[in-house]
Amino acid sequence: MQQKQFDTAMQDVDKAYGNPAKLLADDDLSRPQKLKLLQQWDYDLGLLLVAAEENMTGPGSSSTAERLRSVREAIQILGVDGNPEGDGAASNGKVAGVVIPTEETKEPKSKTTH
């Protein structure tokens, strides 16, 4: 995907794709791009949930939790496990407390016990 199109999609992933299945089916996206878009979507939906908890709901707020579940399932389909009860995505490259691999790190580092 062209960088300009990717940047536009990052601004409103929900508007660009509508649902995670469409994003996953987009063959123009690389795996890291899909993960980055899903990370942003996870973060945006997390903010909407916080707003709903503070009685600052908007249109479609009743389905936010279900959409968040769908986004996190899509992240797992791409091979990134996360804690769905975690704090959500953050700007530090994490989704549900798990680091999103970049192109340089295709495989997650294995944990060794000492």
N, C-alpha and C. Protein backbone atom coordinates (compact mmCIF):
# COMPACT_ATOMS: atom_id res chain seq x y z
N MET A 1 0.85 -1.18 0.00
CA MET A 1 0.00 0.00 0.00
C MET A 1 0.90 1.24 0.00
N GLN A 2 0.49 2.22 -0.77
CA GLN A 2 1.21 3.48 -0.82
C GLN A 2 1.20 4.13 0.56
N GLN A 3 2.30 4.83 0.90
CA GLN A 3 2.42 5.44 2.22
C GLN A 3 1.30 6.45 2.46
N LYS A 4 0.94 7.23 1.45
CA LYS A 4 -0.12 8.23 1.61
C LYS A 4 -1.46 7.57 1.93
N GLN A 5 -1.78 6.48 1.24
CA GLN A 5 -3.02 5.75 1.52
C GLN A 5 -2.98 5.14 2.91
N PHE A 6 -1.82 4.61 3.29
CA PHE A 6 -1.67 4.02 4.62
C PHE A 6 -1.88 5.09 5.70
N ASP A 7 -1.27 6.26 5.51
CA ASP A 7 -1.41 7.34 6.48
C ASP A 7 -2.87 7.78 6.61
N THR A 8 -3.58 7.83 5.50
CA THR A 8 -5.00 8.19 5.51
C THR A 8 -5.80 7.14 6.29
N ALA A 9 -5.51 5.87 6.05
CA ALA A 9 -6.21 4.79 6.75
C ALA A 9 -5.91 4.85 8.25
N MET A 10 -4.69 5.21 8.62
CA MET A 10 -4.31 5.29 10.04
C MET A 10 -5.13 6.35 10.77
N GLN A 11 -5.57 7.38 10.07
CA GLN A 11 -6.33 8.45 10.71
C GLN A 11 -7.71 7.99 11.14
N ASP A 12 -8.31 7.06 10.39
CA ASP A 12 -9.62 6.52 10.76
C ASP A 12 -9.76 5.13 10.15
N VAL A 13 -9.24 4.15 10.87
CA VAL A 13 -9.21 2.78 10.37
C VAL A 13 -10.63 2.25 10.18
N ASP A 14 -11.52 2.59 11.09
CA ASP A 14 -12.90 2.13 10.99
C ASP A 14 -13.55 2.64 9.70
N LYS A 15 -13.31 3.89 9.37
CA LYS A 15 -13.87 4.47 8.15
C LYS A 15 -13.24 3.83 6.91
N ALA A 16 -11.95 3.56 6.97
CA ALA A 16 -11.23 3.01 5.82
C ALA A 16 -11.62 1.56 5.54
N TYR A 17 -11.90 0.76 6.60
CA TYR A 17 -12.15 -0.67 6.40
C TYR A 17 -13.50 -1.16 6.88
N GLY A 18 -14.08 -0.52 7.88
CA GLY A 18 -15.40 -0.95 8.34
C GLY A 18 -15.40 -2.13 9.29
N ASN A 19 -14.60 -3.15 8.99
CA ASN A 19 -14.47 -4.29 9.91
C ASN A 19 -13.10 -4.95 9.71
N PRO A 20 -12.62 -5.64 10.71
CA PRO A 20 -11.28 -6.25 10.64
C PRO A 20 -11.12 -7.27 9.52
N ALA A 21 -12.19 -7.97 9.15
CA ALA A 21 -12.09 -8.96 8.07
C ALA A 21 -11.68 -8.31 6.76
N LYS A 22 -12.22 -7.13 6.47
CA LYS A 22 -11.85 -6.42 5.25
C LYS A 22 -10.38 -6.00 5.29
N LEU A 23 -9.93 -5.57 6.45
CA LEU A 23 -8.53 -5.18 6.59
C LEU A 23 -7.63 -6.40 6.36
N LEU A 24 -7.96 -7.52 6.98
CA LEU A 24 -7.15 -8.74 6.82
C LEU A 24 -7.14 -9.22 5.38
N ALA A 25 -8.23 -8.99 4.65
CA ALA A 25 -8.33 -9.46 3.27
C ALA A 25 -7.62 -8.54 2.27
N ASP A 26 -7.17 -7.38 2.71
CA ASP A 26 -6.52 -6.42 1.81
C ASP A 26 -5.11 -6.90 1.47
N ASP A 27 -4.94 -7.43 0.26
CA ASP A 27 -3.65 -7.96 -0.17
C ASP A 27 -2.62 -6.88 -0.45
N ASP A 28 -3.04 -5.61 -0.50
CA ASP A 28 -2.10 -4.52 -0.72
C ASP A 28 -1.34 -4.16 0.55
N LEU A 29 -1.80 -4.67 1.68
CA LEU A 29 -1.14 -4.39 2.95
C LEU A 29 -0.16 -5.49 3.31
N SER A 30 0.99 -5.10 3.84
CA SER A 30 1.92 -6.08 4.37
C SER A 30 1.45 -6.47 5.78
N ARG A 31 2.00 -7.53 6.31
CA ARG A 31 1.62 -7.96 7.66
C ARG A 31 1.91 -6.86 8.69
N PRO A 32 3.10 -6.22 8.65
CA PRO A 32 3.34 -5.14 9.62
C PRO A 32 2.37 -3.97 9.47
N GLN A 33 1.95 -3.67 8.24
CA GLN A 33 0.97 -2.60 8.04
C GLN A 33 -0.38 -3.00 8.64
N LYS A 34 -0.77 -4.25 8.44
CA LYS A 34 -2.04 -4.72 9.02
C LYS A 34 -1.99 -4.63 10.54
N LEU A 35 -0.88 -5.04 11.11
CA LEU A 35 -0.75 -4.99 12.57
C LEU A 35 -0.78 -3.55 13.07
N LYS A 36 -0.13 -2.66 12.37
CA LYS A 36 -0.12 -1.25 12.79
C LYS A 36 -1.51 -0.65 12.71
N LEU A 37 -2.24 -0.95 11.64
CA LEU A 37 -3.61 -0.46 11.52
C LEU A 37 -4.51 -1.04 12.60
N LEU A 38 -4.36 -2.33 12.87
CA LEU A 38 -5.16 -2.95 13.93
C LEU A 38 -4.80 -2.38 15.29
N GLN A 39 -3.52 -2.09 15.50
CA GLN A 39 -3.08 -1.46 16.75
C GLN A 39 -3.77 -0.11 16.92
N GLN A 40 -3.80 0.67 15.87
CA GLN A 40 -4.44 1.99 15.94
C GLN A 40 -5.94 1.84 16.20
N TRP A 41 -6.55 0.88 15.53
CA TRP A 41 -7.99 0.63 15.70
C TRP A 41 -8.27 0.22 17.14
N ASP A 42 -7.45 -0.66 17.69
CA ASP A 42 -7.59 -1.10 19.07
C ASP A 42 -7.51 0.11 20.01
N TYR A 43 -6.55 0.96 19.77
CA TYR A 43 -6.37 2.15 20.60
C TYR A 43 -7.59 3.08 20.51
N ASP A 44 -8.05 3.33 19.27
CA ASP A 44 -9.22 4.21 19.08
C ASP A 44 -10.45 3.66 19.78
N LEU A 45 -10.68 2.35 19.64
CA LEU A 45 -11.85 1.75 20.29
C LEU A 45 -11.71 1.78 21.81
N GLY A 46 -10.49 1.61 22.30
CA GLY A 46 -10.26 1.72 23.74
C GLY A 46 -10.62 3.10 24.26
N LEU A 47 -10.28 4.13 23.49
CA LEU A 47 -10.65 5.49 23.88
C LEU A 47 -12.17 5.68 23.88
N LEU A 48 -12.84 5.07 22.90
CA LEU A 48 -14.30 5.16 22.87
C LEU A 48 -14.93 4.48 24.08
N LEU A 49 -14.35 3.36 24.51
CA LEU A 49 -14.87 2.68 25.70
C LEU A 49 -14.71 3.54 26.94
N VAL A 50 -13.56 4.20 27.05
CA VAL A 50 -13.33 5.09 28.19
C VAL A 50 -14.35 6.23 28.16
N ALA A 51 -14.58 6.78 26.98
CA ALA A 51 -15.56 7.86 26.86
C ALA A 51 -16.94 7.38 27.27
N ALA A 52 -17.29 6.16 26.87
CA ALA A 52 -18.60 5.62 27.23
C ALA A 52 -18.72 5.45 28.74
N GLU A 53 -17.63 5.03 29.38
CA GLU A 53 -17.65 4.88 30.83
C GLU A 53 -17.85 6.22 31.53
N GLU A 54 -17.45 7.29 30.87
CA GLU A 54 -17.60 8.63 31.44
C GLU A 54 -18.86 9.32 30.91
N ASN A 55 -19.78 8.52 30.37
CA ASN A 55 -21.06 9.01 29.84
C ASN A 55 -20.87 10.04 28.72
N MET A 56 -19.84 9.86 27.91
CA MET A 56 -19.59 10.73 26.76
C MET A 56 -19.74 9.89 25.49
N THR A 57 -20.89 9.26 25.34
CA THR A 57 -21.10 8.34 24.23
C THR A 57 -21.45 9.08 22.95
N GLY A 58 -21.16 8.42 21.86
CA GLY A 58 -21.49 8.96 20.54
C GLY A 58 -22.22 7.91 19.75
N PRO A 59 -22.40 8.16 18.46
CA PRO A 59 -23.09 7.18 17.62
C PRO A 59 -22.33 5.87 17.55
N GLY A 60 -23.05 4.77 17.65
CA GLY A 60 -22.44 3.45 17.55
C GLY A 60 -21.70 3.00 18.78
N SER A 61 -21.83 3.72 19.87
CA SER A 61 -21.06 3.38 21.07
C SER A 61 -21.50 2.07 21.70
N SER A 62 -22.71 1.62 21.42
CA SER A 62 -23.19 0.38 22.02
C SER A 62 -22.47 -0.84 21.45
N SER A 63 -21.91 -0.73 20.26
CA SER A 63 -21.23 -1.87 19.64
C SER A 63 -19.71 -1.79 19.78
N THR A 64 -19.20 -0.83 20.51
CA THR A 64 -17.75 -0.63 20.62
C THR A 64 -17.05 -1.85 21.21
N ALA A 65 -17.58 -2.44 22.25
CA ALA A 65 -16.94 -3.59 22.89
C ALA A 65 -16.86 -4.77 21.92
N GLU A 66 -17.93 -4.99 21.15
CA GLU A 66 -17.93 -6.08 20.18
C GLU A 66 -16.91 -5.82 19.06
N ARG A 67 -16.84 -4.58 18.60
CA ARG A 67 -15.85 -4.25 17.56
C ARG A 67 -14.44 -4.41 18.10
N LEU A 68 -14.22 -4.04 19.36
CA LEU A 68 -12.90 -4.21 19.97
C LEU A 68 -12.52 -5.69 20.02
N ARG A 69 -13.47 -6.55 20.37
CA ARG A 69 -13.22 -8.00 20.37
C ARG A 69 -12.83 -8.48 18.97
N SER A 70 -13.51 -7.98 17.95
CA SER A 70 -13.22 -8.37 16.57
C SER A 70 -11.82 -7.94 16.16
N VAL A 71 -11.44 -6.74 16.55
CA VAL A 71 -10.10 -6.24 16.22
C VAL A 71 -9.05 -7.10 16.90
N ARG A 72 -9.27 -7.43 18.16
CA ARG A 72 -8.28 -8.25 18.89
C ARG A 72 -8.22 -9.67 18.35
N GLU A 73 -9.33 -10.19 17.85
CA GLU A 73 -9.31 -11.50 17.20
C GLU A 73 -8.48 -11.44 15.92
N ALA A 74 -8.60 -10.35 15.18
CA ALA A 74 -7.82 -10.17 13.95
C ALA A 74 -6.33 -10.10 14.27
N ILE A 75 -5.99 -9.45 15.36
CA ILE A 75 -4.59 -9.37 15.78
C ILE A 75 -4.07 -10.77 16.09
N GLN A 76 -4.88 -11.59 16.74
CA GLN A 76 -4.48 -12.96 17.04
C GLN A 76 -4.36 -13.79 15.77
N ILE A 77 -5.21 -13.55 14.79
CA ILE A 77 -5.13 -14.26 13.51
C ILE A 77 -3.78 -14.00 12.85
N LEU A 78 -3.26 -12.80 13.04
CA LEU A 78 -1.95 -12.46 12.47
C LEU A 78 -0.80 -13.00 13.31
N GLY A 79 -1.12 -13.72 14.36
CA GLY A 79 -0.08 -14.40 15.13
C GLY A 79 0.47 -13.63 16.30
N VAL A 80 -0.22 -12.58 16.73
CA VAL A 80 0.21 -11.82 17.90
C VAL A 80 -0.77 -12.10 19.01
N ASP A 81 -0.29 -12.75 20.06
CA ASP A 81 -1.15 -13.04 21.19
C ASP A 81 -1.14 -11.85 22.14
N GLY A 82 -2.29 -11.57 22.70
CA GLY A 82 -2.39 -10.48 23.65
C GLY A 82 -3.41 -10.80 24.71
N ASN A 83 -3.37 -10.07 25.78
CA ASN A 83 -4.32 -10.21 26.85
C ASN A 83 -5.50 -9.31 26.56
N PRO A 84 -6.65 -9.87 26.18
CA PRO A 84 -7.79 -9.02 25.85
C PRO A 84 -8.29 -8.22 27.03
N GLU A 85 -7.89 -8.57 28.22
CA GLU A 85 -8.29 -7.80 29.40
C GLU A 85 -7.24 -6.77 29.76
N GLY A 86 -6.22 -6.61 28.92
CA GLY A 86 -5.13 -5.67 29.19
C GLY A 86 -5.58 -4.23 29.02
N ASP A 87 -4.61 -3.34 28.99
CA ASP A 87 -4.89 -1.92 28.93
C ASP A 87 -5.17 -1.41 27.52
N GLY A 88 -5.20 -2.28 26.54
CA GLY A 88 -5.43 -1.83 25.17
C GLY A 88 -4.12 -1.42 24.52
N ALA A 89 -4.22 -0.84 23.35
CA ALA A 89 -3.04 -0.44 22.60
C ALA A 89 -2.52 0.88 23.12
N ALA A 90 -1.26 1.06 22.95
CA ALA A 90 -0.64 2.31 23.32
C ALA A 90 0.29 2.74 22.20
N SER A 91 0.73 3.97 22.26
CA SER A 91 1.58 4.49 21.20
C SER A 91 2.98 3.91 21.26
N ASN A 92 3.26 3.05 22.24
CA ASN A 92 4.58 2.46 22.37
C ASN A 92 4.74 1.16 21.59
N GLY A 93 3.86 0.88 20.66
CA GLY A 93 3.98 -0.30 19.82
C GLY A 93 3.40 -1.55 20.44
N LYS A 94 2.51 -1.40 21.38
CA LYS A 94 1.92 -2.57 22.04
C LYS A 94 0.43 -2.63 21.76
N VAL A 95 -0.08 -3.84 21.67
CA VAL A 95 -1.52 -4.08 21.58
C VAL A 95 -1.85 -5.01 22.72
N ALA A 96 -2.77 -4.61 23.55
CA ALA A 96 -3.19 -5.41 24.70
C ALA A 96 -1.99 -5.89 25.49
N GLY A 97 -0.98 -5.00 25.64
CA GLY A 97 0.19 -5.32 26.44
C GLY A 97 1.25 -6.14 25.72
N VAL A 98 1.10 -6.38 24.42
CA VAL A 98 2.06 -7.18 23.66
C VAL A 98 2.70 -6.32 22.59
N VAL A 99 4.02 -6.42 22.46
CA VAL A 99 4.73 -5.65 21.45
C VAL A 99 4.37 -6.17 20.06
N ILE A 100 4.04 -5.26 19.16
CA ILE A 100 3.76 -5.62 17.77
C ILE A 100 5.09 -5.76 17.05
N PRO A 101 5.35 -6.90 16.43
CA PRO A 101 6.63 -7.07 15.73
C PRO A 101 6.71 -6.17 14.51
N THR A 102 7.92 -5.67 14.26
CA THR A 102 8.15 -4.88 13.07
C THR A 102 8.68 -5.80 11.98
N GLU A 103 8.97 -5.25 10.82
CA GLU A 103 9.47 -6.09 9.74
C GLU A 103 10.79 -6.75 10.12
N GLU A 104 11.59 -6.08 10.95
CA GLU A 104 12.88 -6.65 11.35
C GLU A 104 12.72 -7.82 12.31
N THR A 105 11.63 -7.83 13.07
CA THR A 105 11.42 -8.88 14.06
C THR A 105 10.20 -9.70 13.67
N LYS A 106 10.38 -10.60 12.76
CA LYS A 106 9.27 -11.41 12.26
C LYS A 106 8.80 -12.41 13.31
N GLU A 107 9.73 -12.98 14.07
CA GLU A 107 9.40 -13.97 15.08
C GLU A 107 9.53 -13.35 16.46
N PRO A 108 8.60 -13.62 17.36
CA PRO A 108 8.75 -13.12 18.73
C PRO A 108 9.92 -13.81 19.40
N LYS A 109 10.60 -13.06 20.26
CA LYS A 109 11.73 -13.64 20.98
C LYS A 109 11.22 -14.68 21.97
N SER A 110 11.92 -15.79 22.02
CA SER A 110 11.48 -16.84 22.95
C SER A 110 11.96 -16.50 24.35
N LYS A 111 11.16 -16.90 25.29
CA LYS A 111 11.50 -16.67 26.70
C LYS A 111 12.35 -17.82 27.19
N THR A 112 13.39 -17.47 27.90
CA THR A 112 14.24 -18.51 28.48
C THR A 112 14.13 -18.41 29.99
N THR A 113 14.14 -19.54 30.62
CA THR A 113 14.07 -19.56 32.07
C THR A 113 15.48 -19.76 32.62
N HIS A 114 15.76 -19.09 33.68
CA HIS A 114 17.10 -19.19 34.29
C HIS A 114 17.03 -19.97 35.56
